[in-house]
Full PDB file with SEQRES, HELIX, SHEET, SSBOND, CRYST1, ORIGX, SCALE, CONECT and MASTER records, all heavy atoms in Angstrom:
SEQRES   1 A   38  ALA LEU HIS GLY CYS GLN GLN GLY ALA ALA VAL LEU GLY          
SEQRES   2 A   38  ASP ARG PHE TYR ASN GLY THR GLY TYR ASN GLN TYR ALA          
SEQRES   3 A   38  ASP THR ASN ARG THR ILE VAL LEU TYR PRO GLN ALA              
HELIX    1 AA1 ALA A    9  LEU A   12  1                                   4    
HELIX    2 AA2 TYR A   22  THR A   28  1                                   7    
CRYST1    1.000    1.000    1.000  90.00  90.00  90.00 P 1           1          
ORIGX1      1.000000  0.000000  0.000000        0.00000                         
ORIGX2      0.000000  1.000000  0.000000        0.00000                         
ORIGX3      0.000000  0.000000  1.000000        0.00000                         
SCALE1      1.000000  0.000000  0.000000        0.00000                         
SCALE2      0.000000  1.000000  0.000000        0.00000                         
SCALE3      0.000000  0.000000  1.000000        0.00000                         
ATOM      1  N   ALA A   1       8.143  20.208 -13.120  1.00  0.00           N  
ATOM      2  CA  ALA A   1       9.459  19.943 -13.695  1.00  0.00           C  
ATOM      3  C   ALA A   1       9.311  19.779 -15.205  1.00  0.00           C  
ATOM      4  O   ALA A   1       8.686  18.816 -15.671  1.00  0.00           O  
ATOM      5  CB  ALA A   1      10.077  18.692 -13.085  1.00  0.00           C  
ATOM      6  N   LEU A   2       9.857  20.713 -15.952  1.00  0.00           N  
ATOM      7  CA  LEU A   2       9.778  20.663 -17.405  1.00  0.00           C  
ATOM      8  C   LEU A   2      11.036  20.011 -17.967  1.00  0.00           C  
ATOM      9  O   LEU A   2      12.152  20.471 -17.688  1.00  0.00           O  
ATOM     10  CB  LEU A   2       9.631  22.071 -17.991  1.00  0.00           C  
ATOM     11  CG  LEU A   2       8.392  22.865 -17.559  1.00  0.00           C  
ATOM     12  CD1 LEU A   2       8.387  24.232 -18.252  1.00  0.00           C  
ATOM     13  CD2 LEU A   2       7.118  22.111 -17.875  1.00  0.00           C  
ATOM     14  N   HIS A   3      10.859  18.983 -18.757  1.00  0.00           N  
ATOM     15  CA  HIS A   3      12.006  18.352 -19.405  1.00  0.00           C  
ATOM     16  C   HIS A   3      12.600  19.280 -20.471  1.00  0.00           C  
ATOM     17  O   HIS A   3      11.975  20.249 -20.893  1.00  0.00           O  
ATOM     18  CB  HIS A   3      11.588  17.017 -20.035  1.00  0.00           C  
ATOM     19  CG  HIS A   3      10.537  17.150 -21.111  1.00  0.00           C  
ATOM     20  ND1 HIS A   3      10.810  17.643 -22.374  1.00  0.00           N  
ATOM     21  CD2 HIS A   3       9.212  16.853 -21.114  1.00  0.00           C  
ATOM     22  CE1 HIS A   3       9.716  17.641 -23.105  1.00  0.00           C  
ATOM     23  NE2 HIS A   3       8.721  17.167 -22.353  1.00  0.00           N  
ATOM     24  N   GLY A   4      13.810  18.970 -20.904  1.00  0.00           N  
ATOM     25  CA  GLY A   4      14.445  19.741 -21.953  1.00  0.00           C  
ATOM     26  C   GLY A   4      14.078  19.234 -23.336  1.00  0.00           C  
ATOM     27  O   GLY A   4      13.294  18.283 -23.493  1.00  0.00           O  
ATOM     28  N   CYS A   5      14.645  19.870 -24.354  1.00  0.00           N  
ATOM     29  CA  CYS A   5      14.459  19.396 -25.724  1.00  0.00           C  
ATOM     30  C   CYS A   5      14.984  17.961 -25.837  1.00  0.00           C  
ATOM     31  O   CYS A   5      15.992  17.609 -25.221  1.00  0.00           O  
ATOM     32  CB  CYS A   5      15.216  20.293 -26.701  1.00  0.00           C  
ATOM     33  SG  CYS A   5      14.706  22.021 -26.698  1.00  0.00           S  
ATOM     34  N   GLN A   6      14.276  17.139 -26.594  1.00  0.00           N  
ATOM     35  CA  GLN A   6      14.631  15.739 -26.826  1.00  0.00           C  
ATOM     36  C   GLN A   6      14.663  14.924 -25.526  1.00  0.00           C  
ATOM     37  O   GLN A   6      15.366  13.927 -25.435  1.00  0.00           O  
ATOM     38  CB  GLN A   6      15.976  15.622 -27.550  1.00  0.00           C  
ATOM     39  CG  GLN A   6      16.009  16.351 -28.889  1.00  0.00           C  
ATOM     40  CD  GLN A   6      17.304  16.173 -29.635  1.00  0.00           C  
ATOM     41  OE1 GLN A   6      17.584  15.103 -30.149  1.00  0.00           O  
ATOM     42  NE2 GLN A   6      18.107  17.228 -29.708  1.00  0.00           N  
ATOM     43  N   GLN A   7      13.893  15.359 -24.524  1.00  0.00           N  
ATOM     44  CA  GLN A   7      13.867  14.640 -23.250  1.00  0.00           C  
ATOM     45  C   GLN A   7      12.469  14.185 -22.843  1.00  0.00           C  
ATOM     46  O   GLN A   7      12.285  13.677 -21.740  1.00  0.00           O  
ATOM     47  CB  GLN A   7      14.448  15.508 -22.128  1.00  0.00           C  
ATOM     48  CG  GLN A   7      15.952  15.641 -22.151  1.00  0.00           C  
ATOM     49  CD  GLN A   7      16.482  16.319 -20.902  1.00  0.00           C  
ATOM     50  OE1 GLN A   7      15.858  17.237 -20.356  1.00  0.00           O  
ATOM     51  NE2 GLN A   7      17.637  15.875 -20.444  1.00  0.00           N  
ATOM     52  N   GLY A   8      11.489  14.366 -23.718  1.00  0.00           N  
ATOM     53  CA  GLY A   8      10.150  13.909 -23.389  1.00  0.00           C  
ATOM     54  C   GLY A   8      10.072  12.400 -23.307  1.00  0.00           C  
ATOM     55  O   GLY A   8      10.952  11.668 -23.792  1.00  0.00           O  
ATOM     56  N   ALA A   9       9.016  11.904 -22.709  1.00  0.00           N  
ATOM     57  CA  ALA A   9       8.860  10.463 -22.517  1.00  0.00           C  
ATOM     58  C   ALA A   9       8.771   9.716 -23.845  1.00  0.00           C  
ATOM     59  O   ALA A   9       9.156   8.544 -23.926  1.00  0.00           O  
ATOM     60  CB  ALA A   9       7.621  10.178 -21.674  1.00  0.00           C  
ATOM     61  N   ALA A  10       8.291  10.380 -24.898  1.00  0.00           N  
ATOM     62  CA  ALA A  10       8.225   9.730 -26.202  1.00  0.00           C  
ATOM     63  C   ALA A  10       9.617   9.395 -26.729  1.00  0.00           C  
ATOM     64  O   ALA A  10       9.768   8.501 -27.567  1.00  0.00           O  
ATOM     65  CB  ALA A  10       7.493  10.635 -27.198  1.00  0.00           C  
ATOM     66  N   VAL A  11      10.635  10.094 -26.226  1.00  0.00           N  
ATOM     67  CA  VAL A  11      12.018   9.867 -26.648  1.00  0.00           C  
ATOM     68  C   VAL A  11      12.786   9.044 -25.613  1.00  0.00           C  
ATOM     69  O   VAL A  11      13.478   8.085 -25.948  1.00  0.00           O  
ATOM     70  CB  VAL A  11      12.747  11.205 -26.895  1.00  0.00           C  
ATOM     71  CG1 VAL A  11      14.207  10.973 -27.285  1.00  0.00           C  
ATOM     72  CG2 VAL A  11      12.035  12.010 -27.974  1.00  0.00           C  
ATOM     73  N   LEU A  12      12.653   9.423 -24.337  1.00  0.00           N  
ATOM     74  CA  LEU A  12      13.489   8.831 -23.282  1.00  0.00           C  
ATOM     75  C   LEU A  12      12.766   7.841 -22.392  1.00  0.00           C  
ATOM     76  O   LEU A  12      13.388   7.286 -21.479  1.00  0.00           O  
ATOM     77  CB  LEU A  12      14.073   9.940 -22.391  1.00  0.00           C  
ATOM     78  CG  LEU A  12      14.996  10.968 -23.029  1.00  0.00           C  
ATOM     79  CD1 LEU A  12      15.592  11.872 -21.955  1.00  0.00           C  
ATOM     80  CD2 LEU A  12      16.109  10.300 -23.832  1.00  0.00           C  
ATOM     81  N   GLY A  13      11.493   7.604 -22.624  1.00  0.00           N  
ATOM     82  CA  GLY A  13      10.763   6.778 -21.660  1.00  0.00           C  
ATOM     83  C   GLY A  13      10.720   7.488 -20.313  1.00  0.00           C  
ATOM     84  O   GLY A  13      10.435   8.688 -20.241  1.00  0.00           O  
ATOM     85  N   ASP A  14      11.056   6.777 -19.226  1.00  0.00           N  
ATOM     86  CA  ASP A  14      10.936   7.377 -17.894  1.00  0.00           C  
ATOM     87  C   ASP A  14      12.248   7.981 -17.383  1.00  0.00           C  
ATOM     88  O   ASP A  14      12.354   8.322 -16.204  1.00  0.00           O  
ATOM     89  CB  ASP A  14      10.416   6.347 -16.887  1.00  0.00           C  
ATOM     90  CG  ASP A  14      11.439   5.243 -16.573  1.00  0.00           C  
ATOM     91  OD1 ASP A  14      12.475   5.158 -17.271  1.00  0.00           O  
ATOM     92  OD2 ASP A  14      11.188   4.470 -15.633  1.00  0.00           O  
ATOM     93  N   ARG A  15      13.242   8.142 -18.241  1.00  0.00           N  
ATOM     94  CA  ARG A  15      14.567   8.545 -17.754  1.00  0.00           C  
ATOM     95  C   ARG A  15      14.578   9.947 -17.153  1.00  0.00           C  
ATOM     96  O   ARG A  15      15.365  10.226 -16.252  1.00  0.00           O  
ATOM     97  CB  ARG A  15      15.600   8.442 -18.878  1.00  0.00           C  
ATOM     98  CG  ARG A  15      15.837   7.005 -19.299  1.00  0.00           C  
ATOM     99  CD  ARG A  15      16.862   6.885 -20.392  1.00  0.00           C  
ATOM    100  NE  ARG A  15      18.221   7.131 -19.923  1.00  0.00           N  
ATOM    101  CZ  ARG A  15      19.299   6.957 -20.668  1.00  0.00           C  
ATOM    102  NH1 ARG A  15      19.177   6.546 -21.924  1.00  0.00           N  
ATOM    103  NH2 ARG A  15      20.495   7.197 -20.173  1.00  0.00           N  
ATOM    104  N   PHE A  16      13.717  10.841 -17.641  1.00  0.00           N  
ATOM    105  CA  PHE A  16      13.658  12.168 -17.021  1.00  0.00           C  
ATOM    106  C   PHE A  16      12.753  12.149 -15.798  1.00  0.00           C  
ATOM    107  O   PHE A  16      13.171  12.548 -14.707  1.00  0.00           O  
ATOM    108  CB  PHE A  16      13.178  13.230 -18.008  1.00  0.00           C  
ATOM    109  CG  PHE A  16      13.186  14.616 -17.409  1.00  0.00           C  
ATOM    110  CD1 PHE A  16      14.333  15.383 -17.408  1.00  0.00           C  
ATOM    111  CD2 PHE A  16      12.044  15.138 -16.801  1.00  0.00           C  
ATOM    112  CE1 PHE A  16      14.349  16.650 -16.825  1.00  0.00           C  
ATOM    113  CE2 PHE A  16      12.046  16.398 -16.217  1.00  0.00           C  
ATOM    114  CZ  PHE A  16      13.207  17.156 -16.231  1.00  0.00           C  
ATOM    115  N   TYR A  17      11.541  11.668 -15.945  1.00  0.00           N  
ATOM    116  CA  TYR A  17      10.604  11.787 -14.825  1.00  0.00           C  
ATOM    117  C   TYR A  17      10.835  10.762 -13.724  1.00  0.00           C  
ATOM    118  O   TYR A  17      10.239  10.854 -12.659  1.00  0.00           O  
ATOM    119  CB  TYR A  17       9.152  11.766 -15.313  1.00  0.00           C  
ATOM    120  CG  TYR A  17       8.630  10.475 -15.877  1.00  0.00           C  
ATOM    121  CD1 TYR A  17       8.261   9.409 -15.062  1.00  0.00           C  
ATOM    122  CD2 TYR A  17       8.446  10.322 -17.254  1.00  0.00           C  
ATOM    123  CE1 TYR A  17       7.755   8.236 -15.576  1.00  0.00           C  
ATOM    124  CE2 TYR A  17       7.930   9.153 -17.793  1.00  0.00           C  
ATOM    125  CZ  TYR A  17       7.589   8.112 -16.942  1.00  0.00           C  
ATOM    126  OH  TYR A  17       7.074   6.948 -17.475  1.00  0.00           O  
ATOM    127  N   ASN A  18      11.733   9.824 -13.958  1.00  0.00           N  
ATOM    128  CA  ASN A  18      11.975   8.814 -12.941  1.00  0.00           C  
ATOM    129  C   ASN A  18      13.460   8.640 -12.623  1.00  0.00           C  
ATOM    130  O   ASN A  18      13.817   7.729 -11.880  1.00  0.00           O  
ATOM    131  CB  ASN A  18      11.389   7.472 -13.387  1.00  0.00           C  
ATOM    132  CG  ASN A  18      11.072   6.546 -12.238  1.00  0.00           C  
ATOM    133  OD1 ASN A  18      10.846   6.978 -11.111  1.00  0.00           O  
ATOM    134  ND2 ASN A  18      11.055   5.248 -12.511  1.00  0.00           N  
ATOM    135  N   GLY A  19      14.310   9.533 -13.178  1.00  0.00           N  
ATOM    136  CA  GLY A  19      15.731   9.310 -12.991  1.00  0.00           C  
ATOM    137  C   GLY A  19      16.584  10.543 -12.820  1.00  0.00           C  
ATOM    138  O   GLY A  19      17.806  10.479 -13.012  1.00  0.00           O  
ATOM    139  N   THR A  20      15.977  11.659 -12.437  1.00  0.00           N  
ATOM    140  CA  THR A  20      16.761  12.890 -12.285  1.00  0.00           C  
ATOM    141  C   THR A  20      16.710  13.471 -10.877  1.00  0.00           C  
ATOM    142  O   THR A  20      17.079  14.632 -10.672  1.00  0.00           O  
ATOM    143  CB  THR A  20      16.299  13.950 -13.309  1.00  0.00           C  
ATOM    144  OG1 THR A  20      14.870  14.087 -13.262  1.00  0.00           O  
ATOM    145  CG2 THR A  20      16.710  13.550 -14.728  1.00  0.00           C  
ATOM    146  N   GLY A  21      16.274  12.681  -9.895  1.00  0.00           N  
ATOM    147  CA  GLY A  21      16.396  13.072  -8.493  1.00  0.00           C  
ATOM    148  C   GLY A  21      15.238  13.825  -7.889  1.00  0.00           C  
ATOM    149  O   GLY A  21      15.199  13.996  -6.658  1.00  0.00           O  
ATOM    150  N   TYR A  22      14.286  14.279  -8.698  1.00  0.00           N  
ATOM    151  CA  TYR A  22      13.164  15.041  -8.152  1.00  0.00           C  
ATOM    152  C   TYR A  22      12.334  14.201  -7.178  1.00  0.00           C  
ATOM    153  O   TYR A  22      11.888  14.694  -6.139  1.00  0.00           O  
ATOM    154  CB  TYR A  22      12.240  15.520  -9.281  1.00  0.00           C  
ATOM    155  CG  TYR A  22      12.766  16.672 -10.090  1.00  0.00           C  
ATOM    156  CD1 TYR A  22      13.402  16.464 -11.306  1.00  0.00           C  
ATOM    157  CD2 TYR A  22      12.606  17.981  -9.647  1.00  0.00           C  
ATOM    158  CE1 TYR A  22      13.867  17.522 -12.061  1.00  0.00           C  
ATOM    159  CE2 TYR A  22      13.063  19.050 -10.398  1.00  0.00           C  
ATOM    160  CZ  TYR A  22      13.697  18.815 -11.605  1.00  0.00           C  
ATOM    161  OH  TYR A  22      14.164  19.867 -12.348  1.00  0.00           O  
ATOM    162  N   ASN A  23      12.108  12.953  -7.524  1.00  0.00           N  
ATOM    163  CA  ASN A  23      11.171  12.138  -6.750  1.00  0.00           C  
ATOM    164  C   ASN A  23      11.695  11.814  -5.350  1.00  0.00           C  
ATOM    165  O   ASN A  23      10.920  11.761  -4.386  1.00  0.00           O  
ATOM    166  CB  ASN A  23      10.853  10.855  -7.515  1.00  0.00           C  
ATOM    167  CG  ASN A  23      10.269  11.141  -8.881  1.00  0.00           C  
ATOM    168  OD1 ASN A  23       9.702  12.204  -9.117  1.00  0.00           O  
ATOM    169  ND2 ASN A  23      10.412  10.202  -9.803  1.00  0.00           N  
ATOM    170  N   GLN A  24      13.001  11.624  -5.233  1.00  0.00           N  
ATOM    171  CA  GLN A  24      13.572  11.358  -3.910  1.00  0.00           C  
ATOM    172  C   GLN A  24      13.413  12.580  -2.999  1.00  0.00           C  
ATOM    173  O   GLN A  24      13.169  12.434  -1.794  1.00  0.00           O  
ATOM    174  CB  GLN A  24      15.053  10.981  -4.047  1.00  0.00           C  
ATOM    175  CG  GLN A  24      15.288   9.594  -4.613  1.00  0.00           C  
ATOM    176  CD  GLN A  24      15.219   9.544  -6.131  1.00  0.00           C  
ATOM    177  OE1 GLN A  24      14.832  10.500  -6.785  1.00  0.00           O  
ATOM    178  NE2 GLN A  24      15.628   8.408  -6.694  1.00  0.00           N  
ATOM    179  N   TYR A  25      13.566  13.780  -3.556  1.00  0.00           N  
ATOM    180  CA  TYR A  25      13.295  15.000  -2.778  1.00  0.00           C  
ATOM    181  C   TYR A  25      11.826  15.048  -2.374  1.00  0.00           C  
ATOM    182  O   TYR A  25      11.480  15.355  -1.227  1.00  0.00           O  
ATOM    183  CB  TYR A  25      13.665  16.241  -3.588  1.00  0.00           C  
ATOM    184  CG  TYR A  25      13.205  17.533  -2.938  1.00  0.00           C  
ATOM    185  CD1 TYR A  25      14.051  18.246  -2.094  1.00  0.00           C  
ATOM    186  CD2 TYR A  25      11.909  18.016  -3.136  1.00  0.00           C  
ATOM    187  CE1 TYR A  25      13.610  19.412  -1.473  1.00  0.00           C  
ATOM    188  CE2 TYR A  25      11.468  19.173  -2.520  1.00  0.00           C  
ATOM    189  CZ  TYR A  25      12.327  19.861  -1.691  1.00  0.00           C  
ATOM    190  OH  TYR A  25      11.890  21.014  -1.072  1.00  0.00           O  
ATOM    191  N   ALA A  26      10.952  14.754  -3.329  1.00  0.00           N  
ATOM    192  CA  ALA A  26       9.514  14.862  -3.089  1.00  0.00           C  
ATOM    193  C   ALA A  26       9.063  13.982  -1.939  1.00  0.00           C  
ATOM    194  O   ALA A  26       8.192  14.365  -1.148  1.00  0.00           O  
ATOM    195  CB  ALA A  26       8.761  14.495  -4.366  1.00  0.00           C  
ATOM    196  N   ASP A  27       9.662  12.793  -1.827  1.00  0.00           N  
ATOM    197  CA  ASP A  27       9.240  11.835  -0.808  1.00  0.00           C  
ATOM    198  C   ASP A  27       9.355  12.386   0.605  1.00  0.00           C  
ATOM    199  O   ASP A  27       8.541  12.067   1.470  1.00  0.00           O  
ATOM    200  CB  ASP A  27      10.081  10.558  -0.914  1.00  0.00           C  
ATOM    201  CG  ASP A  27       9.391   9.478  -1.729  1.00  0.00           C  
ATOM    202  OD1 ASP A  27       8.151   9.509  -1.831  1.00  0.00           O  
ATOM    203  OD2 ASP A  27      10.092   8.608  -2.270  1.00  0.00           O  
ATOM    204  N   THR A  28      10.381  13.179   0.873  1.00  0.00           N  
ATOM    205  CA  THR A  28      10.619  13.648   2.237  1.00  0.00           C  
ATOM    206  C   THR A  28      10.193  15.099   2.453  1.00  0.00           C  
ATOM    207  O   THR A  28      10.385  15.645   3.534  1.00  0.00           O  
ATOM    208  CB  THR A  28      12.115  13.515   2.588  1.00  0.00           C  
ATOM    209  OG1 THR A  28      12.897  14.204   1.610  1.00  0.00           O  
ATOM    210  CG2 THR A  28      12.528  12.047   2.628  1.00  0.00           C  
ATOM    211  N   ASN A  29       9.604  15.714   1.434  1.00  0.00           N  
ATOM    212  CA  ASN A  29       9.243  17.124   1.552  1.00  0.00           C  
ATOM    213  C   ASN A  29       7.803  17.416   1.131  1.00  0.00           C  
ATOM    214  O   ASN A  29       7.480  18.545   0.770  1.00  0.00           O  
ATOM    215  CB  ASN A  29      10.214  17.969   0.713  1.00  0.00           C  
ATOM    216  CG  ASN A  29      11.589  18.048   1.345  1.00  0.00           C  
ATOM    217  OD1 ASN A  29      11.827  18.819   2.261  1.00  0.00           O  
ATOM    218  ND2 ASN A  29      12.505  17.215   0.842  1.00  0.00           N  
ATOM    219  N   ARG A  30       6.957  16.390   1.214  1.00  0.00           N  
ATOM    220  CA  ARG A  30       5.526  16.551   0.934  1.00  0.00           C  
ATOM    221  C   ARG A  30       5.302  17.368  -0.339  1.00  0.00           C  
ATOM    222  O   ARG A  30       4.634  18.408  -0.324  1.00  0.00           O  
ATOM    223  CB  ARG A  30       4.799  17.173   2.123  1.00  0.00           C  
ATOM    224  CG  ARG A  30       4.783  16.272   3.354  1.00  0.00           C  
ATOM    225  CD  ARG A  30       3.912  16.840   4.472  1.00  0.00           C  
ATOM    226  NE  ARG A  30       2.539  17.082   4.050  1.00  0.00           N  
ATOM    227  CZ  ARG A  30       1.602  16.158   3.945  1.00  0.00           C  
ATOM    228  NH1 ARG A  30       1.885  14.894   4.240  1.00  0.00           N  
ATOM    229  NH2 ARG A  30       0.375  16.470   3.559  1.00  0.00           N  
ATOM    230  N   THR A  31       5.875  16.878  -1.420  1.00  0.00           N  
ATOM    231  CA  THR A  31       5.819  17.580  -2.694  1.00  0.00           C  
ATOM    232  C   THR A  31       5.390  16.630  -3.801  1.00  0.00           C  
ATOM    233  O   THR A  31       6.006  15.574  -3.998  1.00  0.00           O  
ATOM    234  CB  THR A  31       7.195  18.168  -3.056  1.00  0.00           C  
ATOM    235  OG1 THR A  31       7.625  19.047  -2.010  1.00  0.00           O  
ATOM    236  CG2 THR A  31       7.136  18.947  -4.359  1.00  0.00           C  
ATOM    237  N   ILE A  32       4.353  16.993  -4.512  1.00  0.00           N  
ATOM    238  CA  ILE A  32       3.988  16.299  -5.747  1.00  0.00           C  
ATOM    239  C   ILE A  32       4.793  16.927  -6.880  1.00  0.00           C  
ATOM    240  O   ILE A  32       4.910  18.150  -6.965  1.00  0.00           O  
ATOM    241  CB  ILE A  32       2.479  16.443  -6.026  1.00  0.00           C  
ATOM    242  CG1 ILE A  32       1.671  15.696  -4.957  1.00  0.00           C  
ATOM    243  CG2 ILE A  32       2.115  15.935  -7.418  1.00  0.00           C  
ATOM    244  CD1 ILE A  32       0.178  15.980  -5.017  1.00  0.00           C  
ATOM    245  N   VAL A  33       5.368  16.105  -7.739  1.00  0.00           N  
ATOM    246  CA  VAL A  33       6.107  16.627  -8.889  1.00  0.00           C  
ATOM    247  C   VAL A  33       5.298  16.337 -10.150  1.00  0.00           C  
ATOM    248  O   VAL A  33       4.986  15.180 -10.454  1.00  0.00           O  
ATOM    249  CB  VAL A  33       7.508  16.001  -9.021  1.00  0.00           C  
ATOM    250  CG1 VAL A  33       8.282  16.682 -10.152  1.00  0.00           C  
ATOM    251  CG2 VAL A  33       8.277  16.140  -7.715  1.00  0.00           C  
ATOM    252  N   LEU A  34       4.948  17.411 -10.850  1.00  0.00           N  
ATOM    253  CA  LEU A  34       4.186  17.300 -12.089  1.00  0.00           C  
ATOM    254  C   LEU A  34       5.156  17.333 -13.263  1.00  0.00           C  
ATOM    255  O   LEU A  34       5.996  18.229 -13.356  1.00  0.00           O  
ATOM    256  CB  LEU A  34       3.185  18.454 -12.182  1.00  0.00           C  
ATOM    257  CG  LEU A  34       2.373  18.574 -13.472  1.00  0.00           C  
ATOM    258  CD1 LEU A  34       1.459  17.364 -13.649  1.00  0.00           C  
ATOM    259  CD2 LEU A  34       1.564  19.878 -13.467  1.00  0.00           C  
ATOM    260  N   TYR A  35       5.033  16.362 -14.163  1.00  0.00           N  
ATOM    261  CA  TYR A  35       5.909  16.253 -15.329  1.00  0.00           C  
ATOM    262  C   TYR A  35       5.076  16.367 -16.608  1.00  0.00           C  
ATOM    263  O   TYR A  35       4.738  15.353 -17.232  1.00  0.00           O  
ATOM    264  CB  TYR A  35       6.641  14.913 -15.335  1.00  0.00           C  
ATOM    265  CG  TYR A  35       7.615  14.687 -14.205  1.00  0.00           C  
ATOM    266  CD1 TYR A  35       7.250  13.924 -13.088  1.00  0.00           C  
ATOM    267  CD2 TYR A  35       8.910  15.190 -14.254  1.00  0.00           C  
ATOM    268  CE1 TYR A  35       8.151  13.679 -12.058  1.00  0.00           C  
ATOM    269  CE2 TYR A  35       9.811  14.958 -13.229  1.00  0.00           C  
ATOM    270  CZ  TYR A  35       9.427  14.202 -12.136  1.00  0.00           C  
ATOM    271  OH  TYR A  35      10.326  13.963 -11.112  1.00  0.00           O  
ATOM    272  N   PRO A  36       4.727  17.575 -17.039  1.00  0.00           N  
ATOM    273  CA  PRO A  36       4.039  17.718 -18.328  1.00  0.00           C  
ATOM    274  C   PRO A  36       4.958  17.251 -19.457  1.00  0.00           C  
ATOM    275  O   PRO A  36       6.184  17.178 -19.293  1.00  0.00           O  
ATOM    276  CB  PRO A  36       3.766  19.219 -18.420  1.00  0.00           C  
ATOM    277  CG  PRO A  36       4.019  19.764 -17.052  1.00  0.00           C  
ATOM    278  CD  PRO A  36       5.016  18.863 -16.416  1.00  0.00           C  
ATOM    279  N   GLN A  37       4.367  16.961 -20.614  1.00  0.00           N  
ATOM    280  CA  GLN A  37       5.149  16.384 -21.704  1.00  0.00           C  
ATOM    281  C   GLN A  37       4.922  17.134 -23.021  1.00  0.00           C  
ATOM    282  O   GLN A  37       3.794  17.214 -23.517  1.00  0.00           O  
ATOM    283  CB  GLN A  37       4.780  14.914 -21.895  1.00  0.00           C  
ATOM    284  CG  GLN A  37       5.103  14.028 -20.708  1.00  0.00           C  
ATOM    285  CD  GLN A  37       6.594  13.870 -20.495  1.00  0.00           C  
ATOM    286  OE1 GLN A  37       7.320  13.516 -21.423  1.00  0.00           O  
ATOM    287  NE2 GLN A  37       7.057  14.137 -19.279  1.00  0.00           N  
ATOM    288  N   ALA A  38       6.014  17.651 -23.563  1.00  0.00           N  
ATOM    289  CA  ALA A  38       6.011  18.127 -24.943  1.00  0.00           C  
ATOM    290  C   ALA A  38       6.443  16.974 -25.836  1.00  0.00           C  
ATOM    291  O   ALA A  38       7.078  16.022 -25.382  1.00  0.00           O  
ATOM    292  CB  ALA A  38       6.955  19.313 -25.108  1.00  0.00           C  
TER     293      ALA A  38                                                      
MASTER        0    0    0    2    0    0    0    6  292    1    0    3          
END                                                                             
């Protein structure tokens, strides 16, 4: 999952990687979500 411009953790903290719904999907679908950071 690639964040958008001005959405990296240095700007938003965990709001993208912990607040956009990916993780709830991952929990029930045996999926690791990788969040690289620009």
